[in-house]
Amino acid sequence: MNWLTSSIEYPGVTGLIEILILAVIFYYLIKFFRGTRGAAILSGLVILFTILMVATKFTNLLILNWLLQKLMVYLALALIVIFQPELRRALAQIGRQGHFVTGKARRAQADPIADAVLMLSSRKIGALIAIEREVETRSIQATGTMMNSEVSAELLASIFYPGTPLHDGGVIISDGRIAAAGCVFPLTQADGLSRDLGTRHRAAMGWTEESDTLVVVVSEETGVISVAYNGTLKRDFDEAQLRRVLTAYLSREIRNLWPVGRRRVREDNGQLNFIFEEAADE
């Protein structure tokens, strides 16, 4: 920690370069973690680190300063464990920079997905559709049947018709194509969930807790449409809301529509504001 405080006290050219590099690193960390569940943890750690740095610099807390220096290595390892999902997502994003799909093409995918979901909802046919973005889903795809088919409302709907071989599992859409069907999604381990949430809803929440995937669920009992993203499940979407959230996600504008927090959906001046609440309270 002494190198940082000395750089701040006696900047010089080298010190200014170090401060600039740290500023860039912190900027991209904040930018990446913004909108994730790790954002609050990161903010708390930054505040705690700043307080301790100031305390050890301008006070005579020698024991605390010695202890912090000894614990820095262990703290770094702890951060890797704490932010493992976010780090995995960041590395996956770096590794997939070569996979380019235009924003227009992504937005065009929203219509057939929405059409299929609405068709299944009107007939009360259960469905589970996941849309991959940056974090690859090959391990989940391996649990189902590989397809690599064009996205169409008719094909998506036919997969979930009762009696078909793949109707009980989930569908994964990757790079604008139906990658696999009949897949098994991990279930959420969250406590205090509503008892009326079925396996599909828990699977949707479970997978989105540690990835940037968006999952659409259709209830087999009621036909109600739900959407899970960032570990949060929102229920009872109508057609306009469904199309809007799919378009926002596929055009990478989901954070503008689905901010962090647990609130309820409402309509304000024709614009959807997602305000989530705990599923158990719904």
C-alpha atoms as a PDB file:
ATOM      1  CA  MET A   1       0.000   0.000   0.000  1.00  0.00           C
ATOM      2  CA  ASN A   2       3.007   2.295   0.514  1.00  0.00           C
ATOM      3  CA  TRP A   3       3.632   2.520  -3.238  1.00  0.00           C
ATOM      4  CA  LEU A   4       0.129   3.911  -3.774  1.00  0.00           C
ATOM      5  CA  THR A   5       0.307   6.518  -1.020  1.00  0.00           C
ATOM      6  CA  SER A   6       3.763   7.606  -2.110  1.00  0.00           C
ATOM      7  CA  SER A   7       2.533   7.987  -5.701  1.00  0.00           C
ATOM      8  CA  ILE A   8      -0.295  10.216  -4.489  1.00  0.00           C
ATOM      9  CA  GLU A   9       1.967  12.296  -2.234  1.00  0.00           C
ATOM     10  CA  TYR A  10       4.837  12.664  -4.726  1.00  0.00           C
ATOM     11  CA  PRO A  11       3.255  12.165  -8.131  1.00  0.00           C
ATOM     12  CA  GLY A  12       6.024  12.948 -10.619  1.00  0.00           C
ATOM     13  CA  VAL A  13       5.779  11.460 -14.089  1.00  0.00           C
ATOM     14  CA  THR A  14       5.818   7.842 -12.928  1.00  0.00           C
ATOM     15  CA  GLY A  15       3.273   8.524 -10.219  1.00  0.00           C
ATOM     16  CA  LEU A  16       0.917  10.245 -12.645  1.00  0.00           C
ATOM     17  CA  ILE A  17       1.174   7.303 -15.037  1.00  0.00           C
ATOM     18  CA  GLU A  18       0.385   4.872 -12.213  1.00  0.00           C
ATOM     19  CA  ILE A  19      -2.602   6.966 -11.088  1.00  0.00           C
ATOM     20  CA  LEU A  20      -3.848   7.160 -14.691  1.00  0.00           C
ATOM     21  CA  ILE A  21      -3.571   3.387 -15.141  1.00  0.00           C
ATOM     22  CA  LEU A  22      -5.436   2.795 -11.878  1.00  0.00           C
ATOM     23  CA  ALA A  23      -8.127   5.283 -12.910  1.00  0.00           C
ATOM     24  CA  VAL A  24      -8.635   3.459 -16.227  1.00  0.00           C
ATOM     25  CA  ILE A  25      -8.794   0.083 -14.464  1.00  0.00           C
ATOM     26  CA  PHE A  26     -11.345   1.346 -11.936  1.00  0.00           C
ATOM     27  CA  TYR A  27     -13.374   2.967 -14.708  1.00  0.00           C
ATOM     28  CA  TYR A  28     -13.734  -0.270 -16.664  1.00  0.00           C
ATOM     29  CA  LEU A  29     -14.391  -2.255 -13.491  1.00  0.00           C
ATOM     30  CA  ILE A  30     -17.226   0.081 -12.543  1.00  0.00           C
ATOM     31  CA  LYS A  31     -18.517   0.073 -16.121  1.00  0.00           C
ATOM     32  CA  PHE A  32     -18.534  -3.717 -16.268  1.00  0.00           C
ATOM     33  CA  PHE A  33     -20.018  -4.310 -12.806  1.00  0.00           C
ATOM     34  CA  ARG A  34     -22.671  -1.615 -13.216  1.00  0.00           C
ATOM     35  CA  GLY A  35     -26.043  -3.300 -13.324  1.00  0.00           C
ATOM     36  CA  THR A  36     -24.822  -6.536 -11.718  1.00  0.00           C
ATOM     37  CA  ARG A  37     -25.267  -7.914  -8.229  1.00  0.00           C
ATOM     38  CA  GLY A  38     -21.510  -7.509  -7.660  1.00  0.00           C
ATOM     39  CA  ALA A  39     -21.733  -3.731  -8.025  1.00  0.00           C
ATOM     40  CA  ALA A  40     -22.726  -3.175  -4.388  1.00  0.00           C
ATOM     41  CA  ILE A  41     -19.925  -5.445  -3.150  1.00  0.00           C
ATOM     42  CA  LEU A  42     -17.357  -3.676  -5.318  1.00  0.00           C
ATOM     43  CA  SER A  43     -18.526  -0.243  -4.154  1.00  0.00           C
ATOM     44  CA  GLY A  44     -18.281  -1.314  -0.527  1.00  0.00           C
ATOM     45  CA  LEU A  45     -14.779  -2.693  -1.002  1.00  0.00           C
ATOM     46  CA  VAL A  46     -13.591   0.487  -2.730  1.00  0.00           C
ATOM     47  CA  ILE A  47     -14.970   2.648   0.094  1.00  0.00           C
ATOM     48  CA  LEU A  48     -13.421   0.394   2.745  1.00  0.00           C
ATOM     49  CA  PHE A  49     -10.074   0.369   0.939  1.00  0.00           C
ATOM     50  CA  THR A  50     -10.079   4.178   0.678  1.00  0.00           C
ATOM     51  CA  ILE A  51     -10.878   4.642   4.365  1.00  0.00           C
ATOM     52  CA  LEU A  52      -8.171   2.211   5.449  1.00  0.00           C
ATOM     53  CA  MET A  53      -5.619   3.797   3.112  1.00  0.00           C
ATOM     54  CA  VAL A  54      -6.314   7.268   4.499  1.00  0.00           C
ATOM     55  CA  ALA A  55      -6.327   5.980   8.072  1.00  0.00           C
ATOM     56  CA  THR A  56      -2.955   4.261   7.768  1.00  0.00           C
ATOM     57  CA  LYS A  57      -1.409   7.188   5.911  1.00  0.00           C
ATOM     58  CA  PHE A  58      -2.372  10.081   8.145  1.00  0.00           C
ATOM     59  CA  THR A  59      -2.464   8.296  11.510  1.00  0.00           C
ATOM     60  CA  ASN A  60       0.080   6.270  13.403  1.00  0.00           C
ATOM     61  CA  LEU A  61      -1.729   2.945  13.079  1.00  0.00           C
ATOM     62  CA  LEU A  62       1.393   0.879  12.509  1.00  0.00           C
ATOM     63  CA  ILE A  63      -0.129  -2.463  13.422  1.00  0.00           C
ATOM     64  CA  LEU A  64      -3.086  -1.918  11.082  1.00  0.00           C
ATOM     65  CA  ASN A  65      -0.754  -0.859   8.275  1.00  0.00           C
ATOM     66  CA  TRP A  66       1.415  -3.959   8.803  1.00  0.00           C
ATOM     67  CA  LEU A  67      -1.647  -6.213   8.926  1.00  0.00           C
ATOM     68  CA  LEU A  68      -3.114  -4.756   5.715  1.00  0.00           C
ATOM     69  CA  GLN A  69       0.146  -5.270   3.846  1.00  0.00           C
ATOM     70  CA  LYS A  70       0.282  -8.906   4.955  1.00  0.00           C
ATOM     71  CA  LEU A  71      -3.327  -9.525   3.990  1.00  0.00           C
ATOM     72  CA  MET A  72      -3.175  -7.981   0.513  1.00  0.00           C
ATOM     73  CA  VAL A  73      -2.321 -11.289  -1.208  1.00  0.00           C
ATOM     74  CA  TYR A  74      -5.098 -13.143   0.592  1.00  0.00           C
ATOM     75  CA  LEU A  75      -7.496 -10.296  -0.183  1.00  0.00           C
ATOM     76  CA  ALA A  76      -6.698 -10.608  -3.885  1.00  0.00           C
ATOM     77  CA  LEU A  77      -7.472 -14.345  -3.778  1.00  0.00           C
ATOM     78  CA  ALA A  78     -10.692 -13.648  -1.889  1.00  0.00           C
ATOM     79  CA  LEU A  79     -11.773 -11.153  -4.535  1.00  0.00           C
ATOM     80  CA  ILE A  80     -11.241 -13.765  -7.251  1.00  0.00           C
ATOM     81  CA  VAL A  81     -13.547 -16.144  -5.389  1.00  0.00           C
ATOM     82  CA  ILE A  82     -16.176 -13.482  -4.612  1.00  0.00           C
ATOM     83  CA  PHE A  83     -16.322 -12.173  -8.165  1.00  0.00           C
ATOM     84  CA  GLN A  84     -15.886 -15.518  -9.922  1.00  0.00           C
ATOM     85  CA  PRO A  85     -19.151 -15.236 -11.947  1.00  0.00           C
ATOM     86  CA  GLU A  86     -18.365 -11.670 -13.040  1.00  0.00           C
ATOM     87  CA  LEU A  87     -14.760 -12.523 -13.932  1.00  0.00           C
ATOM     88  CA  ARG A  88     -15.893 -15.556 -15.921  1.00  0.00           C
ATOM     89  CA  ARG A  89     -18.359 -13.355 -17.778  1.00  0.00           C
ATOM     90  CA  ALA A  90     -15.654 -10.754 -18.511  1.00  0.00           C
ATOM     91  CA  LEU A  91     -13.228 -13.376 -19.841  1.00  0.00           C
ATOM     92  CA  ALA A  92     -15.968 -14.903 -21.979  1.00  0.00           C
ATOM     93  CA  GLN A  93     -16.751 -11.472 -23.378  1.00  0.00           C
ATOM     94  CA  ILE A  94     -13.097 -10.906 -24.288  1.00  0.00           C
ATOM     95  CA  GLY A  95     -12.901 -14.314 -25.931  1.00  0.00           C
ATOM     96  CA  ARG A  96     -16.005 -13.660 -28.027  1.00  0.00           C
ATOM     97  CA  GLN A  97     -15.036 -10.291 -29.507  1.00  0.00           C
ATOM     98  CA  GLY A  98     -14.747 -11.917 -32.915  1.00  0.00           C
ATOM     99  CA  HIS A  99     -18.382 -13.046 -32.906  1.00  0.00           C
ATOM    100  CA  PHE A 100     -20.091 -10.059 -34.489  1.00  0.00           C
ATOM    101  CA  VAL A 101     -23.810  -9.752 -35.074  1.00  0.00           C
ATOM    102  CA  THR A 102     -25.271  -6.400 -36.078  1.00  0.00           C
ATOM    103  CA  GLY A 103     -27.696  -4.614 -33.792  1.00  0.00           C
ATOM    104  CA  LYS A 104     -30.340  -4.660 -36.530  1.00  0.00           C
ATOM    105  CA  ALA A 105     -30.039  -8.425 -36.855  1.00  0.00           C
ATOM    106  CA  ARG A 106     -30.333  -8.855 -33.099  1.00  0.00           C
ATOM    107  CA  ARG A 107     -33.456  -6.686 -32.928  1.00  0.00           C
ATOM    108  CA  ALA A 108     -35.027  -8.661 -35.776  1.00  0.00           C
ATOM    109  CA  GLN A 109     -34.787 -11.795 -33.625  1.00  0.00           C
ATOM    110  CA  ALA A 110     -37.233 -10.356 -31.100  1.00  0.00           C
ATOM    111  CA  ASP A 111     -40.318 -10.759 -33.302  1.00  0.00           C
ATOM    112  CA  PRO A 112     -40.225 -14.543 -33.941  1.00  0.00           C
ATOM    113  CA  ILE A 113     -39.368 -15.219 -30.296  1.00  0.00           C
ATOM    114  CA  ALA A 114     -42.227 -13.016 -29.100  1.00  0.00           C
ATOM    115  CA  ASP A 115     -44.630 -14.536 -31.643  1.00  0.00           C
ATOM    116  CA  ALA A 116     -43.803 -18.058 -30.466  1.00  0.00           C
ATOM    117  CA  VAL A 117     -44.131 -17.150 -26.792  1.00  0.00           C
ATOM    118  CA  LEU A 118     -47.490 -15.441 -27.333  1.00  0.00           C
ATOM    119  CA  MET A 119     -48.745 -18.426 -29.342  1.00  0.00           C
ATOM    120  CA  LEU A 120     -47.731 -20.844 -26.581  1.00  0.00           C
ATOM    121  CA  SER A 121     -49.161 -18.588 -23.888  1.00  0.00           C
ATOM    122  CA  SER A 122     -52.571 -18.412 -25.579  1.00  0.00           C
ATOM    123  CA  ARG A 123     -52.697 -22.227 -25.609  1.00  0.00           C
ATOM    124  CA  LYS A 124     -51.234 -22.642 -22.095  1.00  0.00           C
ATOM    125  CA  ILE A 125     -48.293 -24.657 -23.334  1.00  0.00           C
ATOM    126  CA  GLY A 126     -45.258 -24.492 -21.050  1.00  0.00           C
ATOM    127  CA  ALA A 127     -42.023 -23.138 -22.506  1.00  0.00           C
ATOM    128  CA  LEU A 128     -38.506 -22.195 -21.450  1.00  0.00           C
ATOM    129  CA  ILE A 129     -36.435 -20.128 -23.902  1.00  0.00           C
ATOM    130  CA  ALA A 130     -32.947 -18.804 -23.101  1.00  0.00           C
ATOM    131  CA  ILE A 131     -31.151 -16.189 -25.200  1.00  0.00           C
ATOM    132  CA  GLU A 132     -27.368 -16.250 -24.935  1.00  0.00           C
ATOM    133  CA  ARG A 133     -25.306 -13.090 -25.173  1.00  0.00           C
ATOM    134  CA  GLU A 134     -21.675 -13.006 -23.997  1.00  0.00           C
ATOM    135  CA  VAL A 135     -21.345 -15.992 -21.658  1.00  0.00           C
ATOM    136  CA  GLU A 136     -21.192 -19.174 -23.698  1.00  0.00           C
ATOM    137  CA  THR A 137     -23.678 -21.925 -22.872  1.00  0.00           C
ATOM    138  CA  ARG A 138     -22.040 -24.987 -24.389  1.00  0.00           C
ATOM    139  CA  SER A 139     -22.131 -26.944 -21.119  1.00  0.00           C
ATOM    140  CA  ILE A 140     -25.905 -26.415 -20.901  1.00  0.00           C
ATOM    141  CA  GLN A 141     -26.380 -27.099 -24.613  1.00  0.00           C
ATOM    142  CA  ALA A 142     -24.650 -30.452 -24.118  1.00  0.00           C
ATOM    143  CA  THR A 143     -27.513 -31.573 -21.858  1.00  0.00           C
ATOM    144  CA  GLY A 144     -29.980 -31.348 -24.758  1.00  0.00           C
ATOM    145  CA  THR A 145     -30.144 -31.993 -28.488  1.00  0.00           C
ATOM    146  CA  MET A 146     -28.057 -29.819 -30.805  1.00  0.00           C
ATOM    147  CA  MET A 147     -30.045 -28.140 -33.580  1.00  0.00           C
ATOM    148  CA  ASN A 148     -28.306 -25.108 -35.163  1.00  0.00           C
ATOM    149  CA  SER A 149     -31.559 -24.005 -36.794  1.00  0.00           C
ATOM    150  CA  GLU A 150     -32.893 -20.667 -37.923  1.00  0.00           C
ATOM    151  CA  VAL A 151     -35.066 -18.871 -35.377  1.00  0.00           C
ATOM    152  CA  SER A 152     -38.726 -18.981 -36.380  1.00  0.00           C
ATOM    153  CA  ALA A 153     -41.938 -18.730 -34.396  1.00  0.00           C
ATOM    154  CA  GLU A 154     -43.304 -21.963 -35.874  1.00  0.00           C
ATOM    155  CA  LEU A 155     -40.215 -24.021 -35.029  1.00  0.00           C
ATOM    156  CA  LEU A 156     -39.937 -22.605 -31.510  1.00  0.00           C
ATOM    157  CA  ALA A 157     -43.605 -23.281 -30.804  1.00  0.00           C
ATOM    158  CA  SER A 158     -43.485 -26.811 -32.243  1.00  0.00           C
ATOM    159  CA  ILE A 159     -40.604 -27.761 -29.933  1.00  0.00           C
ATOM    160  CA  PHE A 160     -42.784 -27.234 -26.858  1.00  0.00           C
ATOM    161  CA  TYR A 161     -45.967 -28.939 -28.080  1.00  0.00           C
ATOM    162  CA  PRO A 162     -46.967 -31.696 -25.623  1.00  0.00           C
ATOM    163  CA  GLY A 163     -45.825 -35.135 -26.693  1.00  0.00           C
ATOM    164  CA  THR A 164     -42.811 -33.952 -28.693  1.00  0.00           C
ATOM    165  CA  PRO A 165     -39.459 -35.408 -27.557  1.00  0.00           C
ATOM    166  CA  LEU A 166     -37.938 -32.053 -26.508  1.00  0.00           C
ATOM    167  CA  HIS A 167     -40.902 -30.254 -24.953  1.00  0.00           C
ATOM    168  CA  ASP A 168     -39.875 -30.769 -21.301  1.00  0.00           C
ATOM    169  CA  GLY A 169     -36.482 -29.053 -21.596  1.00  0.00           C
ATOM    170  CA  GLY A 170     -35.318 -25.566 -22.480  1.00  0.00           C
ATOM    171  CA  VAL A 171     -34.337 -24.017 -25.797  1.00  0.00           C
ATOM    172  CA  ILE A 172     -31.102 -22.051 -26.176  1.00  0.00           C
ATOM    173  CA  ILE A 173     -30.757 -19.318 -28.808  1.00  0.00           C
ATOM    174  CA  SER A 174     -27.126 -18.467 -29.544  1.00  0.00           C
ATOM    175  CA  ASP A 175     -25.696 -16.126 -32.193  1.00  0.00           C
ATOM    176  CA  GLY A 176     -29.131 -15.678 -33.743  1.00  0.00           C
ATOM    177  CA  ARG A 177     -29.873 -19.387 -34.163  1.00  0.00           C
ATOM    178  CA  ILE A 178     -31.598 -22.115 -32.173  1.00  0.00           C
ATOM    179  CA  ALA A 179     -28.511 -23.879 -30.839  1.00  0.00           C
ATOM    180  CA  ALA A 180     -30.110 -26.658 -28.785  1.00  0.00           C
ATOM    181  CA  ALA A 181     -33.417 -27.883 -27.361  1.00  0.00           C
ATOM    182  CA  GLY A 182     -34.435 -30.174 -24.519  1.00  0.00           C
ATOM    183  CA  CYS A 183     -31.707 -28.681 -22.326  1.00  0.00           C
ATOM    184  CA  VAL A 184     -31.561 -28.924 -18.534  1.00  0.00           C
ATOM    185  CA  PHE A 185     -31.057 -25.564 -16.801  1.00  0.00           C
ATOM    186  CA  PRO A 186     -29.624 -25.249 -13.262  1.00  0.00           C
ATOM    187  CA  LEU A 187     -32.229 -24.475 -10.593  1.00  0.00           C
ATOM    188  CA  THR A 188     -31.962 -21.464  -8.310  1.00  0.00           C
ATOM    189  CA  GLN A 189     -31.005 -22.101  -4.689  1.00  0.00           C
ATOM    190  CA  ALA A 190     -32.552 -18.840  -3.478  1.00  0.00           C
ATOM    191  CA  ASP A 191     -34.686 -18.997  -0.357  1.00  0.00           C
ATOM    192  CA  GLY A 192     -38.091 -17.445   0.246  1.00  0.00           C
ATOM    193  CA  LEU A 193     -39.468 -17.903  -3.252  1.00  0.00           C
ATOM    194  CA  SER A 194     -43.187 -18.110  -3.885  1.00  0.00           C
ATOM    195  CA  ARG A 195     -44.529 -21.661  -3.730  1.00  0.00           C
ATOM    196  CA  ASP A 196     -46.379 -21.236  -7.005  1.00  0.00           C
ATOM    197  CA  LEU A 197     -43.097 -20.957  -8.893  1.00  0.00           C
ATOM    198  CA  GLY A 198     -42.629 -24.164 -10.857  1.00  0.00           C
ATOM    199  CA  THR A 199     -39.492 -25.895 -12.083  1.00  0.00           C
ATOM    200  CA  ARG A 200     -39.327 -23.781 -15.253  1.00  0.00           C
ATOM    201  CA  HIS A 201     -39.343 -20.530 -13.269  1.00  0.00           C
ATOM    202  CA  ARG A 202     -36.689 -21.778 -10.851  1.00  0.00           C
ATOM    203  CA  ALA A 203     -34.559 -22.954 -13.761  1.00  0.00           C
ATOM    204  CA  ALA A 204     -34.891 -19.555 -15.434  1.00  0.00           C
ATOM    205  CA  MET A 205     -33.778 -17.766 -12.268  1.00  0.00           C
ATOM    206  CA  GLY A 206     -30.971 -20.244 -11.592  1.00  0.00           C
ATOM    207  CA  TRP A 207     -29.241 -19.781 -14.913  1.00  0.00           C
ATOM    208  CA  THR A 208     -29.517 -15.987 -14.962  1.00  0.00           C
ATOM    209  CA  GLU A 209     -28.004 -15.659 -11.492  1.00  0.00           C
ATOM    210  CA  GLU A 210     -24.478 -16.196 -12.826  1.00  0.00           C
ATOM    211  CA  SER A 211     -24.700 -15.219 -16.486  1.00  0.00           C
ATOM    212  CA  ASP A 212     -25.983 -12.464 -18.748  1.00  0.00           C
ATOM    213  CA  THR A 213     -28.562 -14.784 -20.320  1.00  0.00           C
ATOM    214  CA  LEU A 214     -32.200 -13.708 -20.564  1.00  0.00           C
ATOM    215  CA  VAL A 215     -34.806 -16.451 -20.141  1.00  0.00           C
ATOM    216  CA  VAL A 216     -38.493 -16.323 -21.117  1.00  0.00           C
ATOM    217  CA  VAL A 217     -40.914 -18.665 -19.340  1.00  0.00           C
ATOM    218  CA  VAL A 218     -44.487 -19.632 -20.178  1.00  0.00           C
ATOM    219  CA  SER A 219     -46.495 -21.227 -17.386  1.00  0.00           C
ATOM    220  CA  GLU A 220     -48.138 -24.506 -18.343  1.00  0.00           C
ATOM    221  CA  GLU A 221     -50.913 -23.997 -15.784  1.00  0.00           C
ATOM    222  CA  THR A 222     -51.863 -20.361 -16.429  1.00  0.00           C
ATOM    223  CA  GLY A 223     -50.152 -19.333 -19.661  1.00  0.00           C
ATOM    224  CA  VAL A 224     -48.590 -16.367 -17.816  1.00  0.00           C
ATOM    225  CA  ILE A 225     -45.386 -15.057 -19.424  1.00  0.00           C
ATOM    226  CA  SER A 226     -42.402 -14.378 -17.171  1.00  0.00           C
ATOM    227  CA  VAL A 227     -38.894 -13.088 -17.894  1.00  0.00           C
ATOM    228  CA  ALA A 228     -35.738 -13.745 -15.853  1.00  0.00           C
ATOM    229  CA  TYR A 229     -32.610 -11.627 -16.086  1.00  0.00           C
ATOM    230  CA  ASN A 230     -29.700 -10.959 -13.726  1.00  0.00           C
ATOM    231  CA  GLY A 231     -31.131 -13.409 -11.187  1.00  0.00           C
ATOM    232  CA  THR A 232     -34.491 -11.607 -11.016  1.00  0.00           C
ATOM    233  CA  LEU A 233     -37.827 -12.945 -12.228  1.00  0.00           C
ATOM    234  CA  LYS A 234     -40.664 -10.674 -13.351  1.00  0.00           C
ATOM    235  CA  ARG A 235     -44.055 -12.191 -14.100  1.00  0.00           C
ATOM    236  CA  ASP A 236     -47.225 -11.414 -16.043  1.00  0.00           C
ATOM    237  CA  PHE A 237     -45.862  -9.761 -19.210  1.00  0.00           C
ATOM    238  CA  ASP A 238     -48.291  -8.631 -21.877  1.00  0.00           C
ATOM    239  CA  GLU A 239     -47.419  -8.512 -25.585  1.00  0.00           C
ATOM    240  CA  ALA A 240     -46.107  -4.933 -25.601  1.00  0.00           C
ATOM    241  CA  GLN A 241     -43.939  -5.479 -22.523  1.00  0.00           C
ATOM    242  CA  LEU A 242     -42.549  -8.749 -23.887  1.00  0.00           C
ATOM    243  CA  ARG A 243     -41.577  -7.268 -27.248  1.00  0.00           C
ATOM    244  CA  ARG A 244     -40.037  -4.237 -25.578  1.00  0.00           C
ATOM    245  CA  VAL A 245     -37.843  -6.202 -23.180  1.00  0.00           C
ATOM    246  CA  LEU A 246     -36.730  -8.665 -25.887  1.00  0.00           C
ATOM    247  CA  THR A 247     -35.816  -5.814 -28.229  1.00  0.00           C
ATOM    248  CA  ALA A 248     -33.937  -4.027 -25.451  1.00  0.00           C
ATOM    249  CA  TYR A 249     -31.991  -7.167 -24.547  1.00  0.00           C
ATOM    250  CA  LEU A 250     -31.118  -8.133 -28.109  1.00  0.00           C
ATOM    251  CA  SER A 251     -30.030  -4.576 -28.950  1.00  0.00           C
ATOM    252  CA  ARG A 252     -27.937  -4.461 -25.745  1.00  0.00           C
ATOM    253  CA  GLU A 253     -30.022  -1.752 -24.128  1.00  0.00           C
ATOM    254  CA  ILE A 254     -31.428  -3.952 -21.363  1.00  0.00           C
ATOM    255  CA  ARG A 255     -29.803  -1.934 -18.564  1.00  0.00           C
ATOM    256  CA  ASN A 256     -31.800   1.116 -19.595  1.00  0.00           C
ATOM    257  CA  LEU A 257     -35.020  -0.872 -19.185  1.00  0.00           C
ATOM    258  CA  TRP A 258     -34.126  -3.318 -16.440  1.00  0.00           C
ATOM    259  CA  PRO A 259     -32.101  -1.462 -13.766  1.00  0.00           C
ATOM    260  CA  VAL A 260     -30.734  -3.030 -10.603  1.00  0.00           C
ATOM    261  CA  GLY A 261     -33.275  -3.482  -7.845  1.00  0.00           C
ATOM    262  CA  ARG A 262     -36.392  -5.424  -7.035  1.00  0.00           C
ATOM    263  CA  ARG A 263     -39.427  -3.432  -8.116  1.00  0.00           C
ATOM    264  CA  ARG A 264     -42.730  -3.827  -9.909  1.00  0.00           C
ATOM    265  CA  VAL A 265     -43.545  -3.109 -13.539  1.00  0.00           C
ATOM    266  CA  ARG A 266     -45.661  -0.073 -14.304  1.00  0.00           C
ATOM    267  CA  GLU A 267     -46.490   2.110 -17.301  1.00  0.00           C
ATOM    268  CA  ASP A 268     -45.431   5.779 -17.139  1.00  0.00           C
ATOM    269  CA  ASN A 269     -46.092   7.924 -20.192  1.00  0.00           C
ATOM    270  CA  GLY A 270     -45.873   4.910 -22.452  1.00  0.00           C
ATOM    271  CA  GLN A 271     -42.414   3.923 -21.174  1.00  0.00           C
ATOM    272  CA  LEU A 272     -41.916   0.740 -19.164  1.00  0.00           C
ATOM    273  CA  ASN A 273     -40.124   1.165 -15.856  1.00  0.00           C
ATOM    274  CA  PHE A 274     -39.159  -2.129 -14.267  1.00  0.00           C
ATOM    275  CA  ILE A 275     -39.428  -1.860 -10.520  1.00  0.00           C
ATOM    276  CA  PHE A 276     -38.882  -5.278  -8.997  1.00  0.00           C
ATOM    277  CA  GLU A 277     -40.131  -6.833  -5.825  1.00  0.00           C
ATOM    278  CA  GLU A 278     -39.421 -10.205  -4.267  1.00  0.00           C
ATOM    279  CA  ALA A 279     -41.198 -13.031  -6.082  1.00  0.00           C
ATOM    280  CA  ALA A 280     -42.645 -14.198  -2.778  1.00  0.00           C
ATOM    281  CA  ASP A 281     -44.467 -10.887  -2.414  1.00  0.00           C
ATOM    282  CA  GLU A 282     -46.214 -11.131  -5.772  1.00  0.00           C
END
